[in-house]
Amino acid sequence: MRSQPTATLMEWAGGFDEAHHSGTSIFDPLLCELVYRWFAPPGGMVLDPFAGGSVRGIVAARLGLRYTGVDLSARQLAANEEQARELIAKRRDRPRWIEGDSRQIERLAPGNYDLIFSCPPYADLEQYSDDPADISNMSFADFLSAYRAIIKATTAMLKPDRFAVFVIGDVRDDRGFYRKLPWLTIEAFENAGARLYNEAVLITAFGSLPIRAARPFAKFRKLGKTHQNVLVFFKGDPAHIPAEFPEVQFDPAIIDSWT
C-alpha cells in the first residue's frame, strides 16, 4: 500500500492488555488496520457487538473512525477506557464502549453504521464471566440462538453497500467433532441479509502447540489449530463498491514483487 501501516503488531501489542482473554491473546492490531483501511469508508462508524478488548477500538480511533463497542464486562470496559486515555490524547477522538447485552444492541447503540467488525466468543471454549447473559456460559443451542439474534440485529444496523467482518475459529463438541462455527456464522449473516464476499485465513502463533497437540493427536488423531477464519460479508450490491469506497492504492514496488 502506498501509505505505510501506522504501527506494527509488536508496537501495538506492547500497549495492550487483553484481560478479556485472560492475558493470553491480543487481537491482531495489523489485521485491524487492514480491515479498517480496506472495508471501512474514511471517517466511518464502526460497530463491535463483542467488544471485550481494546485493540479494535483504539486502532479505529487512531485511523479516524468512530468506533462503538458493546460488552457485558464492566471491568474489561474500564480497562479499555484506561488504555484509550493513555494512547489517545483527545477525549473526543477516543472509542466509545457501552456496557450491556448485545442482544439489546439496537437499544444500546442505535444508529446506522459503516462497518461491523468483531471477534465473538467461540461458544463455550472459554468462559469470560459468570454472568448468565454471557453467551459463553450458555449451552451450545442457547449460544447459537443468541449469536444469530446478535448478528441479525447488527446487520440491520449496517448501512446498505457496507461490509461486516467477523474473525472466528471452529471449536469441538464434547465428543471431539467440530461444531462448524464458521459455517454457522456464514449462515447467520446470509439469513440476516449480508452475503459472504471474502474469506481469509489468519495464521496464529504456533507457541507451544506442538507440545499441547502431541498427545491428543497420538491418541485421538486430533490436529491442532493454528489459524482463525476472517469472514468478510457485504450487504448490498457489490457493483456499488467503487462509488462508496476509495480505490486501494498500492506501491508499484509491491506490485513488481508479485510478478
Protein backbone atom coordinates (compact mmCIF):
# COMPACT_ATOMS: atom_id res chain seq x y z
CA MET A 1 0.00 0.00 0.00
CA ARG A 2 1.20 3.48 -0.73
CA SER A 3 0.80 4.67 2.86
CA GLN A 4 2.77 2.55 5.29
CA PRO A 5 0.96 0.92 8.23
CA THR A 6 0.82 3.23 11.23
CA ALA A 7 2.08 0.55 13.58
CA THR A 8 3.38 -2.98 13.55
CA LEU A 9 1.81 -5.76 15.55
CA MET A 10 4.59 -5.76 18.14
CA GLU A 11 4.50 -1.97 18.53
CA TRP A 12 0.77 -2.06 19.20
CA ALA A 13 0.88 -5.19 21.34
CA GLY A 14 3.12 -3.52 23.90
CA GLY A 15 0.34 -1.09 24.73
CA PHE A 16 -2.50 -3.53 25.28
CA ASP A 17 -3.65 -5.96 27.94
CA GLU A 18 -6.49 -8.13 26.65
CA ALA A 19 -7.83 -9.12 30.06
CA HIS A 20 -10.97 -10.37 28.35
CA HIS A 21 -8.83 -13.20 27.01
CA SER A 22 -7.13 -13.83 30.36
CA GLY A 23 -3.99 -12.04 29.22
CA THR A 24 -3.15 -14.87 26.83
CA SER A 25 -4.06 -13.33 23.47
CA ILE A 26 -4.06 -9.93 21.84
CA PHE A 27 -6.30 -9.24 18.88
CA ASP A 28 -4.03 -8.62 15.91
CA PRO A 29 -3.64 -4.82 15.50
CA LEU A 30 -2.28 -5.14 11.98
CA LEU A 31 -5.35 -7.14 10.96
CA CYS A 32 -7.44 -4.31 12.45
CA GLU A 33 -5.65 -1.74 10.35
CA LEU A 34 -6.07 -3.72 7.15
CA VAL A 35 -9.78 -4.31 7.80
CA TYR A 36 -10.36 -0.63 8.50
CA ARG A 37 -8.37 0.59 5.50
CA TRP A 38 -9.92 -1.91 3.09
CA PHE A 39 -13.52 -2.27 4.28
CA ALA A 40 -14.49 0.96 6.09
CA PRO A 41 -15.11 4.29 4.33
CA PRO A 42 -12.91 7.16 5.63
CA GLY A 43 -14.34 8.61 8.84
CA GLY A 44 -16.97 5.89 9.03
CA MET A 45 -18.83 4.49 12.03
CA VAL A 46 -17.82 1.05 13.32
CA LEU A 47 -20.00 -1.25 15.45
CA ASP A 48 -18.49 -4.08 17.52
CA PRO A 49 -21.04 -6.29 19.34
CA PHE A 50 -18.37 -8.33 21.21
CA ALA A 51 -16.05 -5.56 22.38
CA GLY A 52 -14.21 -7.30 25.21
CA GLY A 53 -10.76 -6.00 24.23
CA SER A 54 -9.46 -2.53 23.47
CA VAL A 55 -7.46 -3.12 20.28
CA ARG A 56 -10.23 -2.80 17.69
CA GLY A 57 -11.47 0.42 19.27
CA ILE A 58 -8.11 2.08 19.68
CA VAL A 59 -6.87 1.21 16.19
CA ALA A 60 -10.15 2.55 14.77
CA ALA A 61 -9.71 5.81 16.64
CA ARG A 62 -6.11 6.17 15.51
CA LEU A 63 -7.33 5.83 11.92
CA GLY A 64 -10.03 8.48 12.30
CA LEU A 65 -13.00 6.10 12.54
CA ARG A 66 -15.84 6.42 15.05
CA TYR A 67 -16.00 3.17 16.98
CA THR A 68 -18.79 1.90 19.25
CA GLY A 69 -18.33 -1.37 21.12
CA VAL A 70 -20.79 -3.21 23.37
CA ASP A 71 -19.79 -5.77 26.02
CA LEU A 72 -21.13 -7.20 29.27
CA SER A 73 -17.93 -6.83 31.31
CA ALA A 74 -17.74 -3.54 33.21
CA ARG A 75 -14.27 -4.47 34.42
CA GLN A 76 -12.96 -5.05 30.91
CA LEU A 77 -14.54 -1.88 29.56
CA ALA A 78 -12.93 0.12 32.38
CA ALA A 79 -9.57 -1.34 31.32
CA ASN A 80 -10.35 -0.40 27.72
CA GLU A 81 -11.09 3.18 28.75
CA GLU A 82 -7.86 3.40 30.72
CA GLN A 83 -5.83 2.21 27.74
CA ALA A 84 -7.62 4.65 25.46
CA ARG A 85 -6.74 7.53 27.78
CA GLU A 86 -3.08 6.51 27.67
CA LEU A 87 -2.93 6.15 23.88
CA ILE A 88 -5.33 8.80 22.55
CA ALA A 89 -4.89 12.31 23.91
CA LYS A 90 -8.19 13.97 22.96
CA ARG A 91 -11.30 12.63 24.61
CA ARG A 92 -13.49 13.35 21.59
CA ASP A 93 -11.27 11.10 19.45
CA ARG A 94 -11.50 8.07 21.74
CA PRO A 95 -13.60 4.97 21.09
CA ARG A 96 -16.99 4.61 22.76
CA TRP A 97 -17.68 1.49 24.81
CA ILE A 98 -21.11 0.63 26.21
CA GLU A 99 -21.78 -1.89 28.95
CA GLY A 100 -24.68 -4.18 28.14
CA ASP A 101 -26.09 -7.26 26.45
CA SER A 102 -25.62 -7.16 22.68
CA ARG A 103 -28.96 -8.90 22.27
CA GLN A 104 -30.24 -5.39 23.07
CA ILE A 105 -27.75 -3.64 20.80
CA GLU A 106 -30.37 -1.74 18.81
CA ARG A 107 -31.43 -0.02 22.04
CA LEU A 108 -27.93 0.37 23.50
CA ALA A 109 -26.20 1.78 20.42
CA PRO A 110 -28.86 3.00 17.97
CA GLY A 111 -27.63 4.23 14.63
CA ASN A 112 -26.63 3.32 11.11
CA TYR A 113 -23.08 2.02 10.84
CA ASP A 114 -20.49 1.77 8.07
CA LEU A 115 -18.76 -1.41 9.26
CA ILE A 116 -19.44 -4.28 11.64
CA PHE A 117 -16.18 -5.70 12.97
CA SER A 118 -15.89 -8.20 15.80
CA CYS A 119 -14.37 -11.36 17.23
CA PRO A 120 -17.17 -13.24 19.01
CA PRO A 121 -16.82 -15.85 21.76
CA TYR A 122 -16.02 -19.29 20.42
CA ALA A 123 -19.08 -20.84 22.04
CA ASP A 124 -18.02 -22.44 25.36
CA LEU A 125 -14.32 -22.77 24.52
CA GLU A 126 -13.56 -20.09 27.11
CA GLN A 127 -15.99 -18.70 29.67
CA TYR A 128 -15.42 -14.98 30.13
CA SER A 129 -17.63 -14.38 33.17
CA ASP A 130 -20.26 -15.89 35.45
CA ASP A 131 -22.94 -13.55 34.08
CA PRO A 132 -25.90 -15.67 32.90
CA ALA A 133 -26.33 -13.26 29.98
CA ASP A 134 -22.79 -14.07 28.80
CA ILE A 135 -23.29 -16.31 25.78
CA SER A 136 -20.04 -18.15 26.54
CA ASN A 137 -21.83 -19.60 29.60
CA MET A 138 -24.76 -20.97 27.61
CA SER A 139 -25.46 -24.39 26.18
CA PHE A 140 -24.49 -24.53 22.53
CA ALA A 141 -28.13 -24.39 21.42
CA ASP A 142 -28.75 -21.26 23.52
CA PHE A 143 -25.43 -19.78 22.42
CA LEU A 144 -26.36 -20.27 18.78
CA SER A 145 -29.80 -18.70 19.27
CA ALA A 146 -28.31 -15.61 20.95
CA TYR A 147 -25.46 -15.43 18.44
CA ARG A 148 -27.86 -15.46 15.49
CA ALA A 149 -30.02 -12.79 17.13
CA ILE A 150 -27.00 -10.51 17.63
CA ILE A 151 -25.86 -10.97 14.02
CA LYS A 152 -29.38 -10.24 12.78
CA ALA A 153 -29.65 -7.07 14.89
CA THR A 154 -26.23 -5.70 13.96
CA THR A 155 -26.73 -6.44 10.26
CA ALA A 156 -29.99 -4.49 10.38
CA MET A 157 -27.98 -1.52 11.74
CA LEU A 158 -25.46 -1.73 8.89
CA LYS A 159 -25.94 0.78 6.08
CA PRO A 160 -26.57 -0.55 2.57
CA ASP A 161 -23.47 -1.25 0.47
CA ARG A 162 -21.28 -1.82 3.52
CA PHE A 163 -19.10 -4.64 4.90
CA ALA A 164 -19.19 -6.78 8.03
CA VAL A 165 -16.09 -8.66 9.21
CA PHE A 166 -16.03 -11.43 11.83
CA VAL A 167 -12.88 -13.23 12.97
CA ILE A 168 -13.87 -16.68 14.14
CA GLY A 169 -12.49 -20.20 14.54
CA ASP A 170 -14.10 -23.57 15.00
CA VAL A 171 -14.49 -25.47 18.27
CA ARG A 172 -15.12 -29.10 19.12
CA ASP A 173 -18.07 -30.57 20.97
CA ASP A 174 -17.78 -32.97 23.91
CA ARG A 175 -17.21 -35.91 21.55
CA GLY A 176 -14.47 -34.16 19.61
CA PHE A 177 -16.44 -33.25 16.47
CA TYR A 178 -16.27 -29.72 15.10
CA ARG A 179 -19.35 -27.60 15.65
CA LYS A 180 -18.94 -25.80 12.26
CA LEU A 181 -18.93 -22.37 13.90
CA PRO A 182 -17.54 -20.52 10.83
CA TRP A 183 -20.21 -22.13 8.63
CA LEU A 184 -22.93 -21.26 11.14
CA THR A 185 -21.65 -17.67 11.17
CA ILE A 186 -21.91 -17.51 7.37
CA GLU A 187 -25.45 -18.91 7.54
CA ALA A 188 -26.48 -16.37 10.19
CA PHE A 189 -25.18 -13.41 8.21
CA GLU A 190 -26.73 -14.59 4.96
CA ASN A 191 -30.09 -15.09 6.70
CA ALA A 192 -29.72 -11.53 8.03
CA GLY A 193 -29.12 -10.10 4.54
CA ALA A 194 -25.33 -9.96 4.18
CA ARG A 195 -23.59 -12.44 1.88
CA LEU A 196 -20.09 -13.87 2.16
CA TYR A 197 -17.84 -11.76 -0.08
CA ASN A 198 -14.27 -12.56 1.02
CA GLU A 199 -12.59 -15.07 3.26
CA ALA A 200 -9.04 -15.19 4.55
CA VAL A 201 -7.03 -17.25 7.00
CA LEU A 202 -5.18 -15.57 9.84
CA ILE A 203 -2.20 -17.68 10.91
CA THR A 204 -1.78 -17.55 14.67
CA ALA A 205 1.38 -18.07 16.71
CA PHE A 206 2.49 -21.69 17.00
CA GLY A 207 3.90 -21.27 20.51
CA SER A 208 3.55 -24.48 22.50
CA LEU A 209 1.08 -26.04 20.03
CA PRO A 210 3.36 -28.96 19.05
CA ILE A 211 3.64 -29.94 22.71
CA ARG A 212 -0.05 -29.41 23.51
CA ALA A 213 -1.27 -31.16 20.36
CA ALA A 214 1.04 -34.16 20.50
CA ARG A 215 -0.96 -36.31 22.94
CA PRO A 216 -4.46 -35.58 21.51
CA PHE A 217 -3.15 -36.40 18.03
CA ALA A 218 -1.32 -39.55 19.08
CA LYS A 219 -4.34 -40.90 20.93
CA PHE A 220 -7.37 -39.47 19.09
CA ARG A 221 -5.88 -38.17 15.77
CA LYS A 222 -6.94 -34.58 16.57
CA LEU A 223 -4.97 -31.99 14.64
CA GLY A 224 -4.09 -28.75 16.45
CA LYS A 225 -5.34 -25.44 15.06
CA THR A 226 -3.04 -22.56 14.15
CA HIS A 227 -5.45 -20.30 12.29
CA GLN A 228 -8.62 -18.25 12.51
CA ASN A 229 -11.13 -17.51 9.76
CA VAL A 230 -11.56 -13.91 8.65
CA LEU A 231 -15.04 -13.76 7.11
CA VAL A 232 -15.99 -10.65 5.14
CA PHE A 233 -19.66 -10.09 4.30
CA PHE A 234 -21.31 -7.46 2.12
CA LYS A 235 -24.80 -6.03 2.45
CA GLY A 236 -25.98 -4.60 -0.84
CA ASP A 237 -24.82 -4.61 -4.44
CA PRO A 238 -21.06 -5.10 -4.96
CA ALA A 239 -21.34 -3.05 -8.16
CA HIS A 240 -21.71 0.00 -5.89
CA ILE A 241 -18.37 -0.54 -4.11
CA PRO A 242 -16.28 1.74 -6.40
CA ALA A 243 -18.69 4.62 -5.74
CA GLU A 244 -18.75 4.04 -1.97
CA PHE A 245 -15.07 3.29 -1.26
CA PRO A 246 -11.84 4.90 -2.49
CA GLU A 247 -9.63 2.75 -4.68
CA VAL A 248 -6.90 0.95 -2.75
CA GLN A 249 -3.51 2.37 -3.74
CA PHE A 250 -0.50 0.06 -3.92
CA ASP A 251 3.17 0.91 -4.04
CA PRO A 252 4.47 -0.05 -7.55
CA ALA A 253 7.38 -1.83 -5.89
CA ILE A 254 4.96 -4.16 -4.12
CA ILE A 255 3.15 -4.94 -7.36
CA ASP A 256 6.50 -5.67 -9.05
CA SER A 257 7.33 -8.14 -6.28
CA TRP A 258 4.14 -10.09 -7.07
CA THR A 259 5.03 -10.62 -10.72
